Amino acid sequence: MAQISAALVKELRERTGLGMMECKKALVEADGDIEKAIDDLRKSGQAKAAKKAGRIAADGVVAVKVADDGSYGVIIEVNSETDFVARDENFQAFVDATLEQAFSGRVTDLAALIEAREKDREALVQKIGENISIRRIGLVEGPVVGGYVHGNKRIAVLVALSGGDQVLARDIAMHVAATNPAVLSPEQVSEELIAKEKEIFLALNEDKVKGKPAEIVEKMVTGRIQKFLAEASLIEQAFVKDPEIRIGALATKAGAEVLSFVRFEVGEGIEKAETDFAAEVAAQVAATQQ
């Protein structure tokens, strides 16, 4: 059996990013052949990645990149299991490379992007020990496209305008990040959603409408629906940087119109498993005592 030196273990750690004990074990099993050890670790790493794929990745980051000429932009969400890993430089490098690949090819096919990045994703899972997933991608095109990423990289937005400039588009994207409008314009709010809002309003204000003439109740409901549409629709919202003007009017003033927007927030829609930390620690302690 070959003698495993500390220098050899150190080299394997630097080349794989794995722990010292795991590297030493791999070198022992490979009889000191570092290239064979790397191959074996990659094989086992793939197995680990597959095993970890069942774990919920509901943390992570979002990222955007906009073409220099403002003609298009790409937005992605990449998930990890914890915010600690989301801040890791290796994870961030993976996100940057994924975004660049999507941007350069104007990729809209999520499955194709996942397949193209799978080898690097598996290597990262092996290295950091958490499940990583490329969750979604969006492409926005238009005469003027601007983007905004909130400082903690948990919310990102792309906005397309028919005119104006990227500064305006970015300002509106920042507004979208803050207010999370449901739709672009009131016309896009479904009749089902409006009917539901009416039902909720009447249920909450049963005492106020009781005994009032039907026309009065209708005016009250209409007022509430108008307010609801303004709150839900981007172009009807008051601009966060200047509440005296609405987004639609802000765009018009600059000779523009808001054409579309895409907003990603990390983990939205993912049901994250709740962990009983005390129970988890107790289980780990019990396991070590068996």
C-alpha atoms as a PDB file:
ATOM      1  CA  MET A   1       0.000   0.000   0.000  1.00  0.00           C
ATOM      2  CA  ALA A   2       1.325   3.396  -1.007  1.00  0.00           C
ATOM      3  CA  GLN A   3       2.079   5.900   1.740  1.00  0.00           C
ATOM      4  CA  ILE A   4      -0.349   8.823   1.646  1.00  0.00           C
ATOM      5  CA  SER A   5       1.500  12.072   2.281  1.00  0.00           C
ATOM      6  CA  ALA A   6      -0.017  15.247   3.646  1.00  0.00           C
ATOM      7  CA  ALA A   7       1.033  17.020   0.434  1.00  0.00           C
ATOM      8  CA  LEU A   8      -0.945  14.529  -1.653  1.00  0.00           C
ATOM      9  CA  VAL A   9      -4.017  14.984   0.514  1.00  0.00           C
ATOM     10  CA  LYS A  10      -3.621  18.764   0.242  1.00  0.00           C
ATOM     11  CA  GLU A  11      -3.396  18.575  -3.559  1.00  0.00           C
ATOM     12  CA  LEU A  12      -6.529  16.447  -3.757  1.00  0.00           C
ATOM     13  CA  ARG A  13      -8.372  18.854  -1.470  1.00  0.00           C
ATOM     14  CA  GLU A  14      -7.399  21.805  -3.674  1.00  0.00           C
ATOM     15  CA  ARG A  15      -8.463  19.990  -6.835  1.00  0.00           C
ATOM     16  CA  THR A  16     -11.793  18.730  -5.506  1.00  0.00           C
ATOM     17  CA  GLY A  17     -12.776  21.094  -2.682  1.00  0.00           C
ATOM     18  CA  LEU A  18     -13.616  18.110  -0.449  1.00  0.00           C
ATOM     19  CA  GLY A  19     -12.751  17.539   3.198  1.00  0.00           C
ATOM     20  CA  MET A  20      -9.396  16.213   4.384  1.00  0.00           C
ATOM     21  CA  MET A  21     -10.698  12.891   5.718  1.00  0.00           C
ATOM     22  CA  GLU A  22     -12.697  12.207   2.562  1.00  0.00           C
ATOM     23  CA  CYS A  23      -9.648  12.963   0.420  1.00  0.00           C
ATOM     24  CA  LYS A  24      -7.372  10.757   2.517  1.00  0.00           C
ATOM     25  CA  LYS A  25      -9.858   7.877   2.347  1.00  0.00           C
ATOM     26  CA  ALA A  26     -10.131   8.230  -1.435  1.00  0.00           C
ATOM     27  CA  LEU A  27      -6.341   8.195  -1.816  1.00  0.00           C
ATOM     28  CA  VAL A  28      -6.030   5.099   0.371  1.00  0.00           C
ATOM     29  CA  GLU A  29      -8.665   3.302  -1.705  1.00  0.00           C
ATOM     30  CA  ALA A  30      -6.898   4.382  -4.907  1.00  0.00           C
ATOM     31  CA  ASP A  31      -3.519   3.241  -3.542  1.00  0.00           C
ATOM     32  CA  GLY A  32      -2.112   6.743  -3.791  1.00  0.00           C
ATOM     33  CA  ASP A  33      -3.141   7.316  -7.429  1.00  0.00           C
ATOM     34  CA  ILE A  34      -4.525  10.850  -7.302  1.00  0.00           C
ATOM     35  CA  GLU A  35      -6.100  10.726 -10.775  1.00  0.00           C
ATOM     36  CA  LYS A  36      -7.925   7.506  -9.925  1.00  0.00           C
ATOM     37  CA  ALA A  37      -9.002   9.043  -6.610  1.00  0.00           C
ATOM     38  CA  ILE A  38     -10.456  12.030  -8.479  1.00  0.00           C
ATOM     39  CA  ASP A  39     -12.339   9.741 -10.864  1.00  0.00           C
ATOM     40  CA  ASP A  40     -13.695   7.704  -7.943  1.00  0.00           C
ATOM     41  CA  LEU A  41     -14.745  10.845  -6.087  1.00  0.00           C
ATOM     42  CA  ARG A  42     -16.495  12.176  -9.170  1.00  0.00           C
ATOM     43  CA  LYS A  43     -18.395   8.941  -9.462  1.00  0.00           C
ATOM     44  CA  SER A  44     -19.373   8.982  -5.812  1.00  0.00           C
ATOM     45  CA  GLY A  45     -20.089  12.700  -6.100  1.00  0.00           C
ATOM     46  CA  GLN A  46     -22.607  12.048  -8.813  1.00  0.00           C
ATOM     47  CA  ALA A  47     -24.263   9.523  -6.524  1.00  0.00           C
ATOM     48  CA  LYS A  48     -24.294  12.092  -3.726  1.00  0.00           C
ATOM     49  CA  ALA A  49     -25.755  14.717  -6.036  1.00  0.00           C
ATOM     50  CA  ALA A  50     -28.539  12.352  -7.031  1.00  0.00           C
ATOM     51  CA  LYS A  51     -29.219  11.558  -3.375  1.00  0.00           C
ATOM     52  CA  LYS A  52     -29.331  15.223  -2.427  1.00  0.00           C
ATOM     53  CA  ALA A  53     -31.642  16.072  -5.345  1.00  0.00           C
ATOM     54  CA  GLY A  54     -34.607  14.960  -3.262  1.00  0.00           C
ATOM     55  CA  ARG A  55     -33.972  17.631  -0.656  1.00  0.00           C
ATOM     56  CA  ILE A  56     -35.869  20.901  -0.925  1.00  0.00           C
ATOM     57  CA  ALA A  57     -33.835  23.819  -2.264  1.00  0.00           C
ATOM     58  CA  ALA A  58     -35.897  26.884  -1.403  1.00  0.00           C
ATOM     59  CA  ASP A  59     -33.156  29.431  -0.786  1.00  0.00           C
ATOM     60  CA  GLY A  60     -30.654  30.827  -3.273  1.00  0.00           C
ATOM     61  CA  VAL A  61     -30.389  33.909  -5.467  1.00  0.00           C
ATOM     62  CA  VAL A  62     -31.833  35.583  -8.534  1.00  0.00           C
ATOM     63  CA  ALA A  63     -29.771  37.356 -11.188  1.00  0.00           C
ATOM     64  CA  VAL A  64     -30.282  39.431 -14.328  1.00  0.00           C
ATOM     65  CA  LYS A  65     -28.183  40.551 -17.261  1.00  0.00           C
ATOM     66  CA  VAL A  66     -29.229  43.163 -19.796  1.00  0.00           C
ATOM     67  CA  ALA A  67     -27.664  43.699 -23.232  1.00  0.00           C
ATOM     68  CA  ASP A  68     -25.581  46.850 -23.579  1.00  0.00           C
ATOM     69  CA  ASP A  69     -27.965  48.148 -26.233  1.00  0.00           C
ATOM     70  CA  GLY A  70     -30.964  47.469 -23.982  1.00  0.00           C
ATOM     71  CA  SER A  71     -32.643  45.206 -26.530  1.00  0.00           C
ATOM     72  CA  TYR A  72     -33.088  42.202 -24.238  1.00  0.00           C
ATOM     73  CA  GLY A  73     -32.414  40.849 -20.797  1.00  0.00           C
ATOM     74  CA  VAL A  74     -32.294  37.487 -19.057  1.00  0.00           C
ATOM     75  CA  ILE A  75     -33.404  36.663 -15.527  1.00  0.00           C
ATOM     76  CA  ILE A  76     -32.739  33.415 -13.629  1.00  0.00           C
ATOM     77  CA  GLU A  77     -33.320  31.850 -10.226  1.00  0.00           C
ATOM     78  CA  VAL A  78     -30.877  29.300  -8.842  1.00  0.00           C
ATOM     79  CA  ASN A  79     -31.756  27.592  -5.570  1.00  0.00           C
ATOM     80  CA  SER A  80     -29.784  26.180  -2.679  1.00  0.00           C
ATOM     81  CA  GLU A  81     -30.983  24.678   0.585  1.00  0.00           C
ATOM     82  CA  THR A  82     -29.628  27.445   2.838  1.00  0.00           C
ATOM     83  CA  ASP A  83     -28.814  31.139   2.631  1.00  0.00           C
ATOM     84  CA  PHE A  84     -25.311  30.300   3.877  1.00  0.00           C
ATOM     85  CA  VAL A  85     -24.563  28.423   0.646  1.00  0.00           C
ATOM     86  CA  ALA A  86     -26.338  31.134  -1.366  1.00  0.00           C
ATOM     87  CA  ARG A  87     -23.572  33.497  -0.220  1.00  0.00           C
ATOM     88  CA  ASP A  88     -20.770  31.029  -1.028  1.00  0.00           C
ATOM     89  CA  GLU A  89     -18.378  32.221  -3.755  1.00  0.00           C
ATOM     90  CA  ASN A  90     -18.476  28.832  -5.516  1.00  0.00           C
ATOM     91  CA  PHE A  91     -22.271  28.979  -5.671  1.00  0.00           C
ATOM     92  CA  GLN A  92     -22.137  32.585  -6.885  1.00  0.00           C
ATOM     93  CA  ALA A  93     -19.660  31.591  -9.602  1.00  0.00           C
ATOM     94  CA  PHE A  94     -22.026  28.828 -10.739  1.00  0.00           C
ATOM     95  CA  VAL A  95     -24.902  31.328 -10.906  1.00  0.00           C
ATOM     96  CA  ASP A  96     -22.793  33.807 -12.892  1.00  0.00           C
ATOM     97  CA  ALA A  97     -21.716  31.130 -15.381  1.00  0.00           C
ATOM     98  CA  THR A  98     -25.300  29.892 -15.751  1.00  0.00           C
ATOM     99  CA  LEU A  99     -26.568  33.424 -16.343  1.00  0.00           C
ATOM    100  CA  GLU A 100     -23.847  34.092 -18.905  1.00  0.00           C
ATOM    101  CA  GLN A 101     -24.672  30.914 -20.815  1.00  0.00           C
ATOM    102  CA  ALA A 102     -28.377  31.744 -20.827  1.00  0.00           C
ATOM    103  CA  PHE A 103     -27.694  35.343 -21.846  1.00  0.00           C
ATOM    104  CA  SER A 104     -25.257  34.613 -24.669  1.00  0.00           C
ATOM    105  CA  GLY A 105     -27.637  32.102 -26.241  1.00  0.00           C
ATOM    106  CA  ARG A 106     -30.877  33.961 -25.416  1.00  0.00           C
ATOM    107  CA  VAL A 107     -31.989  30.703 -23.842  1.00  0.00           C
ATOM    108  CA  THR A 108     -35.681  30.268 -23.010  1.00  0.00           C
ATOM    109  CA  ASP A 109     -35.721  26.470 -22.681  1.00  0.00           C
ATOM    110  CA  LEU A 110     -35.171  25.714 -19.002  1.00  0.00           C
ATOM    111  CA  ALA A 111     -34.666  21.985 -19.599  1.00  0.00           C
ATOM    112  CA  ALA A 112     -31.921  22.689 -22.137  1.00  0.00           C
ATOM    113  CA  LEU A 113     -30.151  25.063 -19.743  1.00  0.00           C
ATOM    114  CA  ILE A 114     -30.359  22.536 -16.898  1.00  0.00           C
ATOM    115  CA  GLU A 115     -28.904  19.825 -19.129  1.00  0.00           C
ATOM    116  CA  ALA A 116     -26.080  22.087 -20.293  1.00  0.00           C
ATOM    117  CA  ARG A 117     -25.132  22.974 -16.714  1.00  0.00           C
ATOM    118  CA  GLU A 118     -25.664  19.541 -15.128  1.00  0.00           C
ATOM    119  CA  LYS A 119     -22.024  18.466 -14.970  1.00  0.00           C
ATOM    120  CA  ASP A 120     -21.014  21.676 -13.193  1.00  0.00           C
ATOM    121  CA  ARG A 121     -24.068  21.480 -10.943  1.00  0.00           C
ATOM    122  CA  GLU A 122     -23.188  17.954  -9.822  1.00  0.00           C
ATOM    123  CA  ALA A 123     -19.614  18.991  -9.127  1.00  0.00           C
ATOM    124  CA  LEU A 124     -20.873  21.896  -7.010  1.00  0.00           C
ATOM    125  CA  VAL A 125     -23.266  19.652  -5.069  1.00  0.00           C
ATOM    126  CA  GLN A 126     -20.359  17.336  -4.329  1.00  0.00           C
ATOM    127  CA  LYS A 127     -18.217  20.240  -3.202  1.00  0.00           C
ATOM    128  CA  ILE A 128     -20.660  22.092  -0.933  1.00  0.00           C
ATOM    129  CA  GLY A 129     -22.897  19.242   0.223  1.00  0.00           C
ATOM    130  CA  GLU A 130     -26.261  20.800  -0.593  1.00  0.00           C
ATOM    131  CA  ASN A 131     -28.812  20.308  -3.325  1.00  0.00           C
ATOM    132  CA  ILE A 132     -28.576  22.969  -6.040  1.00  0.00           C
ATOM    133  CA  SER A 133     -31.199  23.556  -8.725  1.00  0.00           C
ATOM    134  CA  ILE A 134     -31.723  25.926 -11.626  1.00  0.00           C
ATOM    135  CA  ARG A 135     -35.381  26.694 -11.045  1.00  0.00           C
ATOM    136  CA  ARG A 136     -36.501  29.109 -13.770  1.00  0.00           C
ATOM    137  CA  ILE A 137     -35.427  31.468 -16.500  1.00  0.00           C
ATOM    138  CA  GLY A 138     -37.027  34.411 -18.271  1.00  0.00           C
ATOM    139  CA  LEU A 139     -36.184  36.381 -21.402  1.00  0.00           C
ATOM    140  CA  VAL A 140     -37.549  39.913 -21.918  1.00  0.00           C
ATOM    141  CA  GLU A 141     -37.153  41.709 -25.250  1.00  0.00           C
ATOM    142  CA  GLY A 142     -38.182  45.189 -26.373  1.00  0.00           C
ATOM    143  CA  PRO A 143     -37.030  48.535 -27.677  1.00  0.00           C
ATOM    144  CA  VAL A 144     -35.783  49.399 -24.176  1.00  0.00           C
ATOM    145  CA  VAL A 145     -35.123  46.791 -21.469  1.00  0.00           C
ATOM    146  CA  GLY A 146     -33.876  47.575 -17.980  1.00  0.00           C
ATOM    147  CA  GLY A 147     -33.272  45.446 -14.922  1.00  0.00           C
ATOM    148  CA  TYR A 148     -32.925  45.691 -11.181  1.00  0.00           C
ATOM    149  CA  VAL A 149     -31.647  43.286  -8.530  1.00  0.00           C
ATOM    150  CA  HIS A 150     -32.351  43.991  -4.886  1.00  0.00           C
ATOM    151  CA  GLY A 151     -29.217  44.236  -2.764  1.00  0.00           C
ATOM    152  CA  ASN A 152     -29.585  40.814  -1.144  1.00  0.00           C
ATOM    153  CA  LYS A 153     -30.145  39.111  -4.544  1.00  0.00           C
ATOM    154  CA  ARG A 154     -33.513  37.741  -3.460  1.00  0.00           C
ATOM    155  CA  ILE A 155     -35.653  39.835  -5.815  1.00  0.00           C
ATOM    156  CA  ALA A 156     -34.920  40.641  -9.458  1.00  0.00           C
ATOM    157  CA  VAL A 157     -36.973  42.357 -12.148  1.00  0.00           C
ATOM    158  CA  LEU A 158     -36.803  43.015 -15.885  1.00  0.00           C
ATOM    159  CA  VAL A 159     -38.974  45.671 -17.542  1.00  0.00           C
ATOM    160  CA  ALA A 160     -39.541  46.335 -21.253  1.00  0.00           C
ATOM    161  CA  LEU A 161     -40.572  49.791 -22.536  1.00  0.00           C
ATOM    162  CA  SER A 162     -41.604  51.050 -25.959  1.00  0.00           C
ATOM    163  CA  GLY A 163     -39.515  54.205 -25.483  1.00  0.00           C
ATOM    164  CA  GLY A 164     -37.702  56.178 -22.824  1.00  0.00           C
ATOM    165  CA  ASP A 165     -34.335  54.849 -21.679  1.00  0.00           C
ATOM    166  CA  GLN A 166     -32.727  52.197 -19.478  1.00  0.00           C
ATOM    167  CA  VAL A 167     -32.662  54.558 -16.489  1.00  0.00           C
ATOM    168  CA  LEU A 168     -36.461  54.812 -16.611  1.00  0.00           C
ATOM    169  CA  ALA A 169     -36.783  51.065 -17.159  1.00  0.00           C
ATOM    170  CA  ARG A 170     -34.563  50.420 -14.140  1.00  0.00           C
ATOM    171  CA  ASP A 171     -36.576  52.839 -11.994  1.00  0.00           C
ATOM    172  CA  ILE A 172     -39.787  51.018 -12.909  1.00  0.00           C
ATOM    173  CA  ALA A 173     -38.094  47.668 -12.288  1.00  0.00           C
ATOM    174  CA  MET A 174     -37.099  48.911  -8.827  1.00  0.00           C
ATOM    175  CA  HIS A 175     -40.714  49.895  -8.231  1.00  0.00           C
ATOM    176  CA  VAL A 176     -41.894  46.412  -9.299  1.00  0.00           C
ATOM    177  CA  ALA A 177     -39.414  44.836  -6.894  1.00  0.00           C
ATOM    178  CA  ALA A 178     -40.896  46.873  -4.033  1.00  0.00           C
ATOM    179  CA  THR A 179     -44.621  46.546  -4.811  1.00  0.00           C
ATOM    180  CA  ASN A 180     -44.970  43.174  -6.566  1.00  0.00           C
ATOM    181  CA  PRO A 181     -47.878  44.062  -8.881  1.00  0.00           C
ATOM    182  CA  ALA A 182     -50.006  41.116 -10.027  1.00  0.00           C
ATOM    183  CA  VAL A 183     -50.517  42.351 -13.603  1.00  0.00           C
ATOM    184  CA  LEU A 184     -49.447  45.103 -15.979  1.00  0.00           C
ATOM    185  CA  SER A 185     -52.838  46.771 -16.492  1.00  0.00           C
ATOM    186  CA  PRO A 186     -56.363  46.548 -14.995  1.00  0.00           C
ATOM    187  CA  GLU A 187     -57.645  44.801 -18.129  1.00  0.00           C
ATOM    188  CA  GLN A 188     -55.434  41.821 -17.312  1.00  0.00           C
ATOM    189  CA  VAL A 189     -57.149  41.157 -13.965  1.00  0.00           C
ATOM    190  CA  SER A 190     -59.478  38.187 -14.445  1.00  0.00           C
ATOM    191  CA  GLU A 191     -63.219  38.403 -13.847  1.00  0.00           C
ATOM    192  CA  GLU A 192     -62.877  35.525 -11.379  1.00  0.00           C
ATOM    193  CA  LEU A 193     -60.405  37.529  -9.298  1.00  0.00           C
ATOM    194  CA  ILE A 194     -62.649  40.596  -9.361  1.00  0.00           C
ATOM    195  CA  ALA A 195     -65.662  38.518  -8.317  1.00  0.00           C
ATOM    196  CA  LYS A 196     -63.657  37.028  -5.467  1.00  0.00           C
ATOM    197  CA  GLU A 197     -62.584  40.493  -4.318  1.00  0.00           C
ATOM    198  CA  LYS A 198     -66.235  41.637  -4.324  1.00  0.00           C
ATOM    199  CA  GLU A 199     -67.203  38.605  -2.254  1.00  0.00           C
ATOM    200  CA  ILE A 200     -64.455  39.266   0.262  1.00  0.00           C
ATOM    201  CA  PHE A 201     -65.366  42.963   0.521  1.00  0.00           C
ATOM    202  CA  LEU A 202     -69.043  42.224   1.172  1.00  0.00           C
ATOM    203  CA  ALA A 203     -68.199  39.565   3.764  1.00  0.00           C
ATOM    204  CA  LEU A 204     -65.854  41.912   5.633  1.00  0.00           C
ATOM    205  CA  ASN A 205     -68.315  44.820   5.510  1.00  0.00           C
ATOM    206  CA  GLU A 206     -71.531  42.953   6.180  1.00  0.00           C
ATOM    207  CA  ASP A 207     -72.587  45.323   8.972  1.00  0.00           C
ATOM    208  CA  LYS A 208     -71.855  48.434   6.861  1.00  0.00           C
ATOM    209  CA  VAL A 209     -73.913  47.342   3.847  1.00  0.00           C
ATOM    210  CA  LYS A 210     -76.764  45.745   5.752  1.00  0.00           C
ATOM    211  CA  GLY A 211     -80.032  47.594   5.095  1.00  0.00           C
ATOM    212  CA  LYS A 212     -78.493  50.021   2.592  1.00  0.00           C
ATOM    213  CA  PRO A 213     -80.079  50.527  -0.865  1.00  0.00           C
ATOM    214  CA  ALA A 214     -78.645  48.345  -3.618  1.00  0.00           C
ATOM    215  CA  GLU A 215     -77.272  51.340  -5.560  1.00  0.00           C
ATOM    216  CA  ILE A 216     -75.339  52.546  -2.499  1.00  0.00           C
ATOM    217  CA  VAL A 217     -73.873  49.088  -1.936  1.00  0.00           C
ATOM    218  CA  GLU A 218     -72.912  48.933  -5.611  1.00  0.00           C
ATOM    219  CA  LYS A 219     -71.063  52.255  -5.343  1.00  0.00           C
ATOM    220  CA  MET A 220     -69.186  50.990  -2.287  1.00  0.00           C
ATOM    221  CA  VAL A 221     -68.233  47.787  -4.108  1.00  0.00           C
ATOM    222  CA  THR A 222     -67.182  49.711  -7.227  1.00  0.00           C
ATOM    223  CA  GLY A 223     -64.940  51.972  -5.162  1.00  0.00           C
ATOM    224  CA  ARG A 224     -63.289  48.981  -3.554  1.00  0.00           C
ATOM    225  CA  ILE A 225     -62.750  47.244  -6.907  1.00  0.00           C
ATOM    226  CA  GLN A 226     -61.203  50.387  -8.399  1.00  0.00           C
ATOM    227  CA  LYS A 227     -58.811  50.540  -5.473  1.00  0.00           C
ATOM    228  CA  PHE A 228     -58.048  46.834  -5.857  1.00  0.00           C
ATOM    229  CA  LEU A 229     -57.299  47.228  -9.575  1.00  0.00           C
ATOM    230  CA  ALA A 230     -54.998  50.167  -8.882  1.00  0.00           C
ATOM    231  CA  GLU A 231     -53.117  48.160  -6.235  1.00  0.00           C
ATOM    232  CA  ALA A 232     -52.818  45.069  -8.450  1.00  0.00           C
ATOM    233  CA  SER A 233     -51.918  46.783 -11.749  1.00  0.00           C
ATOM    234  CA  LEU A 234     -48.451  48.190 -12.358  1.00  0.00           C
ATOM    235  CA  ILE A 235     -49.443  51.132 -14.527  1.00  0.00           C
ATOM    236  CA  GLU A 236     -52.063  52.276 -11.988  1.00  0.00           C
ATOM    237  CA  GLN A 237     -49.742  52.172  -8.990  1.00  0.00           C
ATOM    238  CA  ALA A 238     -48.283  55.304  -7.444  1.00  0.00           C
ATOM    239  CA  PHE A 239     -44.547  55.451  -8.171  1.00  0.00           C
ATOM    240  CA  VAL A 240     -42.608  54.587  -5.005  1.00  0.00           C
ATOM    241  CA  LYS A 241     -40.065  57.362  -5.614  1.00  0.00           C
ATOM    242  CA  ASP A 242     -42.800  59.958  -6.299  1.00  0.00           C
ATOM    243  CA  PRO A 243     -46.297  58.978  -5.064  1.00  0.00           C
ATOM    244  CA  GLU A 244     -47.773  61.986  -6.874  1.00  0.00           C
ATOM    245  CA  ILE A 245     -47.477  60.217 -10.231  1.00  0.00           C
ATOM    246  CA  ARG A 246     -48.619  56.798 -11.401  1.00  0.00           C
ATOM    247  CA  ILE A 247     -46.344  54.427 -13.288  1.00  0.00           C
ATOM    248  CA  GLY A 248     -48.366  54.683 -16.505  1.00  0.00           C
ATOM    249  CA  ALA A 249     -48.178  58.474 -16.415  1.00  0.00           C
ATOM    250  CA  LEU A 250     -44.474  58.350 -15.540  1.00  0.00           C
ATOM    251  CA  ALA A 251     -43.814  56.334 -18.682  1.00  0.00           C
ATOM    252  CA  THR A 252     -46.035  58.527 -20.849  1.00  0.00           C
ATOM    253  CA  LYS A 253     -44.233  61.642 -19.620  1.00  0.00           C
ATOM    254  CA  ALA A 254     -40.998  60.162 -20.983  1.00  0.00           C
ATOM    255  CA  GLY A 255     -42.597  59.238 -24.311  1.00  0.00           C
ATOM    256  CA  ALA A 256     -42.754  55.570 -23.365  1.00  0.00           C
ATOM    257  CA  GLU A 257     -45.160  52.773 -22.543  1.00  0.00           C
ATOM    258  CA  VAL A 258     -44.611  49.805 -20.257  1.00  0.00           C
ATOM    259  CA  LEU A 259     -44.838  46.694 -22.421  1.00  0.00           C
ATOM    260  CA  SER A 260     -44.071  43.919 -19.959  1.00  0.00           C
ATOM    261  CA  PHE A 261     -42.269  42.954 -16.782  1.00  0.00           C
ATOM    262  CA  VAL A 262     -40.952  39.812 -15.111  1.00  0.00           C
ATOM    263  CA  ARG A 263     -40.340  39.585 -11.367  1.00  0.00           C
ATOM    264  CA  PHE A 264     -38.572  36.686  -9.635  1.00  0.00           C
ATOM    265  CA  GLU A 265     -38.377  36.338  -5.867  1.00  0.00           C
ATOM    266  CA  VAL A 266     -36.292  33.557  -4.358  1.00  0.00           C
ATOM    267  CA  GLY A 267     -38.330  30.582  -3.227  1.00  0.00           C
ATOM    268  CA  GLU A 268     -41.778  31.995  -4.036  1.00  0.00           C
ATOM    269  CA  GLY A 269     -44.230  29.148  -4.477  1.00  0.00           C
ATOM    270  CA  ILE A 270     -41.901  26.548  -2.948  1.00  0.00           C
ATOM    271  CA  GLU A 271     -43.182  24.827   0.155  1.00  0.00           C
ATOM    272  CA  LYS A 272     -40.142  24.789   2.399  1.00  0.00           C
ATOM    273  CA  ALA A 273     -39.920  21.967   4.900  1.00  0.00           C
ATOM    274  CA  GLU A 274     -40.066  23.063   8.525  1.00  0.00           C
ATOM    275  CA  THR A 275     -37.307  21.512  10.614  1.00  0.00           C
ATOM    276  CA  ASP A 276     -37.509  20.862  14.341  1.00  0.00           C
ATOM    277  CA  PHE A 277     -33.903  21.831  15.108  1.00  0.00           C
ATOM    278  CA  ALA A 278     -33.911  20.404  18.634  1.00  0.00           C
ATOM    279  CA  ALA A 279     -35.301  17.094  17.417  1.00  0.00           C
ATOM    280  CA  GLU A 280     -32.770  16.988  14.589  1.00  0.00           C
ATOM    281  CA  VAL A 281     -29.836  17.516  16.996  1.00  0.00           C
ATOM    282  CA  ALA A 282     -31.227  14.874  19.364  1.00  0.00           C
ATOM    283  CA  ALA A 283     -31.503  12.402  16.502  1.00  0.00           C
ATOM    284  CA  GLN A 284     -27.910  13.058  15.453  1.00  0.00           C
ATOM    285  CA  VAL A 285     -26.656  12.578  19.021  1.00  0.00           C
ATOM    286  CA  ALA A 286     -28.626   9.341  19.344  1.00  0.00           C
ATOM    287  CA  ALA A 287     -27.163   8.078  16.082  1.00  0.00           C
ATOM    288  CA  THR A 288     -23.600   8.607  17.327  1.00  0.00           C
ATOM    289  CA  GLN A 289     -24.339   6.612  20.470  1.00  0.00           C
ATOM    290  CA  GLN A 290     -25.556   3.493  18.675  1.00  0.00           C
END
